[in-house]
Each structure stands twice: as structure tokens, then as C-alpha cells.
Amino acid sequence: MQDTYGYIRVSSTDQNEDRQVRAMREAGVPDRHIFMDKQSGKDFDRPQYKQLVGQLKQDDLLYILSIDRLGRSYEEIQEQWRILTKETGVDICVIDMPLLDTRNGKDLMGTFIADLVLQILSFVAQNERESIRKRQEQGIAAAKARGVRFGRPSVEPPENFVSVVTDWEKKRISFHQALLLCGMSEATFYRRLRELRMLRDSKNKNCQ
């Protein structure tokens, strides 16, 4: 008996998956057969995808919204398509690309057309991701050149930092008290402490 499944991947936990879920339900996929991974697609260490592949059997039907849900590179997409259709023997329907529906055209010409479309689309998907990454890198480089700083704003040490460190090093105050007096987290305190000690070492060397 044929079962129908759907696979959804979103690139991070904050990306909205509603469109993919809605497409699966409109295709008639039962909610219990919808598998979803919320993580990067840089590799295939995906628990839900692995569980899905382990559950699929010959003649089952798998829906995906677009071809890039199967991988982030030309090679990955081709390999996963081969495993699913050739080794496991399932049918795949790519909702956004009706030509990629292995239920249609089971003859030689139909298979040839589907394979050709798959190769073109997977190649385009990889190139688009590389273009997006390149544009992001160029945008970040341009922003840095303009003086834009990324990440958390740096916490400057307070004016009493040196005296607090001295008191802490001489065991006049506890580490917890030192953090409170400086208004810093433990990680920030240690980072500033390393900088202070490097500065001290540098001055000592210059005095010798």
C-alpha cells in the first residue's frame, strides 16, 4: 500500500515554514507524515530527514516544495534523488516544478526529461546559493569599510578596572565582587584582564 509523505526544511529556527506546511496539506499529505528539519542545509546530518528515509518504502510518494530542499549543492541533490528514486524506489513530486514528478512519464522519454530538468534545476539552485553568499560577503565587506561594526557592542572597562583587578589579585575582594564592581560578565572580565596583563607585560619589557 502506497503512503504519502512530505519533507520540509527551513534554514534556521526563525524562518517561517507555513508555506511549505500549507503546500503539503493541499497535496493531501497527512500531518503525521510531514517531516521537518529546522536547521542549516550545509550537510545531511538532519534527524527528521534520516527518520523519513528510514520509513520510506518502495512505491511511496514523497512531496517536497522545491528541489533545493534535498540539498545545498548540485552533487547532494543528485545523490539524494538517486537514493530515493533508484535505491528506495519511491516517487517524488516537486510541487513548485510539475515536470519533476516521477509518477508521470515512466517511459524512457519521460525519465530522460525528468532527469534533464533535475540536473538543470539543481545546478541553478547551487549557483543561486553561491551568488547569495557572494553578495552577502560583498555587503559585509562594504559595511566594514564604512566603519560598521558587527556583533555585540564592546563593553569598555570602567575607570576603576585596574584598581578592582589589583584588589582581586591581592585577594582583598572576591571574584564575584570584582564582577559586580566592574559591571561585567565573567567572559568580558577575563578578556579585559588578558588585555590588561598584555599591556603590563609590554610596558615591563620596554622598561628593561
C-alpha atoms as a PDB file:
ATOM      1  CA  MET A   1       0.000   0.000   0.000  1.00  0.00           C
ATOM      2  CA  GLN A   2       1.360   3.399  -1.019  1.00  0.00           C
ATOM      3  CA  ASP A   3       1.879   6.000   1.726  1.00  0.00           C
ATOM      4  CA  THR A   4       2.269   9.718   1.096  1.00  0.00           C
ATOM      5  CA  TYR A   5       4.945  11.776   2.845  1.00  0.00           C
ATOM      6  CA  GLY A   6       6.211  15.322   2.831  1.00  0.00           C
ATOM      7  CA  TYR A   7       9.607  16.772   3.713  1.00  0.00           C
ATOM      8  CA  ILE A   8      10.145  20.368   4.846  1.00  0.00           C
ATOM      9  CA  ARG A   9      13.415  22.112   5.542  1.00  0.00           C
ATOM     10  CA  VAL A  10      13.866  25.662   6.728  1.00  0.00           C
ATOM     11  CA  SER A  11      17.343  27.088   7.029  1.00  0.00           C
ATOM     12  CA  SER A  12      17.023  28.280  10.622  1.00  0.00           C
ATOM     13  CA  THR A  13      14.621  28.194  13.547  1.00  0.00           C
ATOM     14  CA  ASP A  14      13.318  31.666  12.809  1.00  0.00           C
ATOM     15  CA  GLN A  15      12.375  31.028   9.170  1.00  0.00           C
ATOM     16  CA  ASN A  16       8.668  30.614   8.592  1.00  0.00           C
ATOM     17  CA  GLU A  17       7.668  27.147   7.406  1.00  0.00           C
ATOM     18  CA  ASP A  18       3.949  27.921   6.924  1.00  0.00           C
ATOM     19  CA  ARG A  19       4.115  27.977   3.112  1.00  0.00           C
ATOM     20  CA  GLN A  20       5.687  24.533   2.957  1.00  0.00           C
ATOM     21  CA  VAL A  21       3.274  23.069   5.520  1.00  0.00           C
ATOM     22  CA  ARG A  22       0.288  24.508   3.660  1.00  0.00           C
ATOM     23  CA  ALA A  23       1.566  23.072   0.348  1.00  0.00           C
ATOM     24  CA  MET A  24       1.910  19.612   1.926  1.00  0.00           C
ATOM     25  CA  ARG A  25      -1.607  19.673   3.320  1.00  0.00           C
ATOM     26  CA  GLU A  26      -3.033  20.861  -0.002  1.00  0.00           C
ATOM     27  CA  ALA A  27      -1.264  17.911  -1.655  1.00  0.00           C
ATOM     28  CA  GLY A  28      -3.042  15.566   0.763  1.00  0.00           C
ATOM     29  CA  VAL A  29      -0.078  14.659   2.977  1.00  0.00           C
ATOM     30  CA  PRO A  30      -1.266  13.598   6.470  1.00  0.00           C
ATOM     31  CA  ASP A  31       0.219  15.688   9.278  1.00  0.00           C
ATOM     32  CA  ARG A  32       1.747  12.582  10.848  1.00  0.00           C
ATOM     33  CA  HIS A  33       3.722  12.009   7.622  1.00  0.00           C
ATOM     34  CA  ILE A  34       5.153  15.542   7.401  1.00  0.00           C
ATOM     35  CA  PHE A  35       8.808  15.602   8.462  1.00  0.00           C
ATOM     36  CA  MET A  36      10.501  18.938   9.133  1.00  0.00           C
ATOM     37  CA  ASP A  37      14.065  19.981   9.919  1.00  0.00           C
ATOM     38  CA  LYS A  38      14.811  23.478  11.161  1.00  0.00           C
ATOM     39  CA  GLN A  39      18.496  23.838  10.579  1.00  0.00           C
ATOM     40  CA  SER A  40      21.142  24.643   8.026  1.00  0.00           C
ATOM     41  CA  GLY A  41      21.306  22.526   4.904  1.00  0.00           C
ATOM     42  CA  LYS A  42      25.092  22.569   4.720  1.00  0.00           C
ATOM     43  CA  ASP A  43      25.110  18.809   5.331  1.00  0.00           C
ATOM     44  CA  PHE A  44      22.663  15.939   5.720  1.00  0.00           C
ATOM     45  CA  ASP A  45      23.014  15.399   9.443  1.00  0.00           C
ATOM     46  CA  ARG A  46      19.283  16.026   9.824  1.00  0.00           C
ATOM     47  CA  PRO A  47      17.350  13.870  12.273  1.00  0.00           C
ATOM     48  CA  GLN A  48      13.946  14.245  10.631  1.00  0.00           C
ATOM     49  CA  TYR A  49      15.282  13.611   7.145  1.00  0.00           C
ATOM     50  CA  LYS A  50      17.063  10.473   8.334  1.00  0.00           C
ATOM     51  CA  GLN A  51      13.900   9.283  10.062  1.00  0.00           C
ATOM     52  CA  LEU A  52      11.896   9.911   6.894  1.00  0.00           C
ATOM     53  CA  VAL A  53      14.320   7.997   4.655  1.00  0.00           C
ATOM     54  CA  GLY A  54      14.275   5.100   7.098  1.00  0.00           C
ATOM     55  CA  GLN A  55      10.494   4.993   6.990  1.00  0.00           C
ATOM     56  CA  LEU A  56      10.025   5.275   3.217  1.00  0.00           C
ATOM     57  CA  LYS A  57       9.376   2.101   1.263  1.00  0.00           C
ATOM     58  CA  GLN A  58       9.044   1.206  -2.383  1.00  0.00           C
ATOM     59  CA  ASP A  59       6.162   2.920  -4.259  1.00  0.00           C
ATOM     60  CA  ASP A  60       5.611   5.516  -1.527  1.00  0.00           C
ATOM     61  CA  LEU A  61       5.135   9.119  -2.664  1.00  0.00           C
ATOM     62  CA  LEU A  62       7.284  11.965  -1.323  1.00  0.00           C
ATOM     63  CA  TYR A  63       6.366  15.628  -1.751  1.00  0.00           C
ATOM     64  CA  ILE A  64       8.884  18.472  -1.472  1.00  0.00           C
ATOM     65  CA  LEU A  65       8.127  22.090  -2.238  1.00  0.00           C
ATOM     66  CA  SER A  66      11.267  22.830  -4.237  1.00  0.00           C
ATOM     67  CA  ILE A  67      14.300  20.905  -5.403  1.00  0.00           C
ATOM     68  CA  ASP A  68      16.720  22.699  -3.061  1.00  0.00           C
ATOM     69  CA  ARG A  69      15.006  21.070  -0.056  1.00  0.00           C
ATOM     70  CA  LEU A  70      17.029  17.957  -0.925  1.00  0.00           C
ATOM     71  CA  GLY A  71      20.427  19.612  -0.640  1.00  0.00           C
ATOM     72  CA  ARG A  72      22.591  22.692  -0.950  1.00  0.00           C
ATOM     73  CA  SER A  73      24.787  21.588  -3.824  1.00  0.00           C
ATOM     74  CA  TYR A  74      24.379  20.047  -7.251  1.00  0.00           C
ATOM     75  CA  GLU A  75      26.028  16.824  -6.075  1.00  0.00           C
ATOM     76  CA  GLU A  76      23.896  16.497  -2.927  1.00  0.00           C
ATOM     77  CA  ILE A  77      20.617  16.982  -4.768  1.00  0.00           C
ATOM     78  CA  GLN A  78      21.568  14.471  -7.448  1.00  0.00           C
ATOM     79  CA  GLU A  79      22.707  11.910  -4.861  1.00  0.00           C
ATOM     80  CA  GLN A  80      19.595  12.178  -2.696  1.00  0.00           C
ATOM     81  CA  TRP A  81      17.336  11.969  -5.751  1.00  0.00           C
ATOM     82  CA  ARG A  82      19.179   8.802  -6.862  1.00  0.00           C
ATOM     83  CA  ILE A  83      18.930   7.185  -3.425  1.00  0.00           C
ATOM     84  CA  LEU A  84      15.233   7.922  -3.088  1.00  0.00           C
ATOM     85  CA  THR A  85      14.100   7.014  -6.597  1.00  0.00           C
ATOM     86  CA  LYS A  86      16.558   4.271  -7.569  1.00  0.00           C
ATOM     87  CA  GLU A  87      17.543   2.550  -4.318  1.00  0.00           C
ATOM     88  CA  THR A  88      14.413   3.046  -2.217  1.00  0.00           C
ATOM     89  CA  GLY A  89      12.062   3.118  -5.213  1.00  0.00           C
ATOM     90  CA  VAL A  90       9.798   5.982  -4.128  1.00  0.00           C
ATOM     91  CA  ASP A  91       8.100   8.545  -6.337  1.00  0.00           C
ATOM     92  CA  ILE A  92       8.954  12.214  -5.816  1.00  0.00           C
ATOM     93  CA  CYS A  93       6.772  15.187  -6.654  1.00  0.00           C
ATOM     94  CA  VAL A  94       8.364  18.646  -6.593  1.00  0.00           C
ATOM     95  CA  ILE A  95       5.392  20.933  -6.017  1.00  0.00           C
ATOM     96  CA  ASP A  96       6.966  24.080  -7.479  1.00  0.00           C
ATOM     97  CA  MET A  97       8.087  22.223 -10.606  1.00  0.00           C
ATOM     98  CA  PRO A  98       5.365  19.899 -12.004  1.00  0.00           C
ATOM     99  CA  LEU A  99       7.777  18.474 -14.582  1.00  0.00           C
ATOM    100  CA  LEU A 100       9.641  16.856 -11.695  1.00  0.00           C
ATOM    101  CA  ASP A 101       7.009  14.297 -10.817  1.00  0.00           C
ATOM    102  CA  THR A 102       8.283  10.767 -11.257  1.00  0.00           C
ATOM    103  CA  ARG A 103       4.722   9.396 -11.423  1.00  0.00           C
ATOM    104  CA  ASN A 104       4.444  10.922 -14.885  1.00  0.00           C
ATOM    105  CA  GLY A 105       6.359   9.711 -17.875  1.00  0.00           C
ATOM    106  CA  LYS A 106       7.582   6.338 -16.662  1.00  0.00           C
ATOM    107  CA  ASP A 107       8.760   5.576 -20.206  1.00  0.00           C
ATOM    108  CA  LEU A 108      12.287   6.290 -21.437  1.00  0.00           C
ATOM    109  CA  MET A 109      11.481   9.755 -22.802  1.00  0.00           C
ATOM    110  CA  GLY A 110       9.673  10.807 -19.623  1.00  0.00           C
ATOM    111  CA  THR A 111      12.569   9.649 -17.479  1.00  0.00           C
ATOM    112  CA  PHE A 112      15.051  11.452 -19.717  1.00  0.00           C
ATOM    113  CA  ILE A 113      13.104  14.722 -19.490  1.00  0.00           C
ATOM    114  CA  ALA A 114      12.763  14.462 -15.703  1.00  0.00           C
ATOM    115  CA  ASP A 115      16.489  13.735 -15.292  1.00  0.00           C
ATOM    116  CA  LEU A 116      17.391  16.647 -17.547  1.00  0.00           C
ATOM    117  CA  VAL A 117      15.134  19.073 -15.656  1.00  0.00           C
ATOM    118  CA  LEU A 118      16.565  17.806 -12.351  1.00  0.00           C
ATOM    119  CA  GLN A 119      20.128  18.452 -13.469  1.00  0.00           C
ATOM    120  CA  ILE A 120      19.315  21.961 -14.669  1.00  0.00           C
ATOM    121  CA  LEU A 121      17.360  22.937 -11.553  1.00  0.00           C
ATOM    122  CA  SER A 122      19.890  21.532  -9.091  1.00  0.00           C
ATOM    123  CA  PHE A 123      22.669  23.372 -10.926  1.00  0.00           C
ATOM    124  CA  VAL A 124      20.662  26.611 -10.848  1.00  0.00           C
ATOM    125  CA  ALA A 125      19.891  26.129  -7.123  1.00  0.00           C
ATOM    126  CA  GLN A 126      23.579  25.755  -6.290  1.00  0.00           C
ATOM    127  CA  ASN A 127      24.562  28.790  -8.371  1.00  0.00           C
ATOM    128  CA  GLU A 128      21.862  30.901  -6.728  1.00  0.00           C
ATOM    129  CA  ARG A 129      23.092  29.997  -3.241  1.00  0.00           C
ATOM    130  CA  GLU A 130      26.666  30.810  -4.224  1.00  0.00           C
ATOM    131  CA  SER A 131      25.518  34.155  -5.675  1.00  0.00           C
ATOM    132  CA  ILE A 132      23.599  34.996  -2.485  1.00  0.00           C
ATOM    133  CA  ARG A 133      26.624  34.130  -0.345  1.00  0.00           C
ATOM    134  CA  LYS A 134      28.900  36.237  -2.540  1.00  0.00           C
ATOM    135  CA  ARG A 135      26.527  39.212  -2.347  1.00  0.00           C
ATOM    136  CA  GLN A 136      26.378  38.852   1.439  1.00  0.00           C
ATOM    137  CA  GLU A 137      30.172  38.765   1.694  1.00  0.00           C
ATOM    138  CA  GLN A 138      30.457  41.833  -0.542  1.00  0.00           C
ATOM    139  CA  GLY A 139      27.820  43.645   1.523  1.00  0.00           C
ATOM    140  CA  ILE A 140      29.599  42.833   4.789  1.00  0.00           C
ATOM    141  CA  ALA A 141      32.956  43.949   3.357  1.00  0.00           C
ATOM    142  CA  ALA A 142      31.433  47.231   2.141  1.00  0.00           C
ATOM    143  CA  ALA A 143      29.785  47.817   5.527  1.00  0.00           C
ATOM    144  CA  LYS A 144      33.064  47.181   7.374  1.00  0.00           C
ATOM    145  CA  ALA A 145      34.817  49.612   5.031  1.00  0.00           C
ATOM    146  CA  ARG A 146      32.246  52.241   6.081  1.00  0.00           C
ATOM    147  CA  GLY A 147      33.051  51.553   9.721  1.00  0.00           C
ATOM    148  CA  VAL A 148      30.003  49.424  10.524  1.00  0.00           C
ATOM    149  CA  ARG A 149      30.755  47.011  13.357  1.00  0.00           C
ATOM    150  CA  PHE A 150      29.093  43.610  13.605  1.00  0.00           C
ATOM    151  CA  GLY A 151      28.316  41.535  16.668  1.00  0.00           C
ATOM    152  CA  ARG A 152      27.790  42.654  20.213  1.00  0.00           C
ATOM    153  CA  PRO A 153      28.965  46.142  21.119  1.00  0.00           C
ATOM    154  CA  SER A 154      32.235  46.053  23.032  1.00  0.00           C
ATOM    155  CA  VAL A 155      31.950  46.637  26.777  1.00  0.00           C
ATOM    156  CA  GLU A 156      34.571  49.173  27.775  1.00  0.00           C
ATOM    157  CA  PRO A 157      36.274  48.644  31.136  1.00  0.00           C
ATOM    158  CA  PRO A 158      35.217  51.078  33.875  1.00  0.00           C
ATOM    159  CA  GLU A 159      37.636  53.689  35.217  1.00  0.00           C
ATOM    160  CA  ASN A 160      38.154  51.604  38.357  1.00  0.00           C
ATOM    161  CA  PHE A 161      39.005  48.437  36.445  1.00  0.00           C
ATOM    162  CA  VAL A 162      42.732  48.471  37.246  1.00  0.00           C
ATOM    163  CA  SER A 163      42.156  49.091  40.964  1.00  0.00           C
ATOM    164  CA  VAL A 164      39.437  46.376  41.076  1.00  0.00           C
ATOM    165  CA  VAL A 165      41.772  43.896  39.372  1.00  0.00           C
ATOM    166  CA  THR A 166      44.541  44.800  41.815  1.00  0.00           C
ATOM    167  CA  ASP A 167      42.244  44.239  44.792  1.00  0.00           C
ATOM    168  CA  TRP A 168      41.075  40.925  43.353  1.00  0.00           C
ATOM    169  CA  GLU A 169      44.598  39.728  42.581  1.00  0.00           C
ATOM    170  CA  LYS A 170      45.643  40.580  46.152  1.00  0.00           C
ATOM    171  CA  LYS A 171      42.577  38.708  47.427  1.00  0.00           C
ATOM    172  CA  ARG A 172      41.061  41.801  49.020  1.00  0.00           C
ATOM    173  CA  ILE A 173      37.784  41.123  47.212  1.00  0.00           C
ATOM    174  CA  SER A 174      36.163  38.025  45.750  1.00  0.00           C
ATOM    175  CA  PHE A 175      35.803  37.343  42.036  1.00  0.00           C
ATOM    176  CA  HIS A 176      32.053  37.866  42.306  1.00  0.00           C
ATOM    177  CA  GLN A 177      32.595  41.257  43.929  1.00  0.00           C
ATOM    178  CA  ALA A 178      35.014  42.199  41.165  1.00  0.00           C
ATOM    179  CA  LEU A 179      32.395  41.407  38.523  1.00  0.00           C
ATOM    180  CA  LEU A 180      29.782  43.477  40.357  1.00  0.00           C
ATOM    181  CA  LEU A 181      32.129  46.446  40.771  1.00  0.00           C
ATOM    182  CA  CYS A 182      33.028  46.390  37.069  1.00  0.00           C
ATOM    183  CA  GLY A 183      29.538  45.605  35.817  1.00  0.00           C
ATOM    184  CA  MET A 184      30.889  42.881  33.537  1.00  0.00           C
ATOM    185  CA  SER A 185      30.168  39.296  32.681  1.00  0.00           C
ATOM    186  CA  GLU A 186      32.773  36.677  33.529  1.00  0.00           C
ATOM    187  CA  ALA A 187      33.833  36.315  29.876  1.00  0.00           C
ATOM    188  CA  THR A 188      34.212  40.075  29.406  1.00  0.00           C
ATOM    189  CA  PHE A 189      36.151  40.445  32.662  1.00  0.00           C
ATOM    190  CA  TYR A 190      38.649  37.759  31.658  1.00  0.00           C
ATOM    191  CA  ARG A 191      39.029  39.239  28.178  1.00  0.00           C
ATOM    192  CA  ARG A 192      39.777  42.677  29.575  1.00  0.00           C
ATOM    193  CA  LEU A 193      42.071  41.105  32.172  1.00  0.00           C
ATOM    194  CA  ARG A 194      44.121  39.436  29.429  1.00  0.00           C
ATOM    195  CA  GLU A 195      44.378  42.745  27.614  1.00  0.00           C
ATOM    196  CA  LEU A 196      45.496  44.498  30.806  1.00  0.00           C
ATOM    197  CA  ARG A 197      48.145  41.877  31.534  1.00  0.00           C
ATOM    198  CA  MET A 198      49.434  42.023  27.967  1.00  0.00           C
ATOM    199  CA  LEU A 199      49.707  45.786  28.316  1.00  0.00           C
ATOM    200  CA  ARG A 200      51.572  45.394  31.604  1.00  0.00           C
ATOM    201  CA  ASP A 201      53.980  42.853  30.091  1.00  0.00           C
ATOM    202  CA  SER A 202      54.623  45.160  27.161  1.00  0.00           C
ATOM    203  CA  LYS A 203      55.409  48.085  29.450  1.00  0.00           C
ATOM    204  CA  ASN A 204      57.693  45.925  31.595  1.00  0.00           C
ATOM    205  CA  LYS A 205      59.653  44.802  28.527  1.00  0.00           C
ATOM    206  CA  ASN A 206      60.038  48.379  27.359  1.00  0.00           C
ATOM    207  CA  CYS A 207      61.380  49.398  30.769  1.00  0.00           C
ATOM    208  CA  GLN A 208      64.052  46.701  30.781  1.00  0.00           C
END
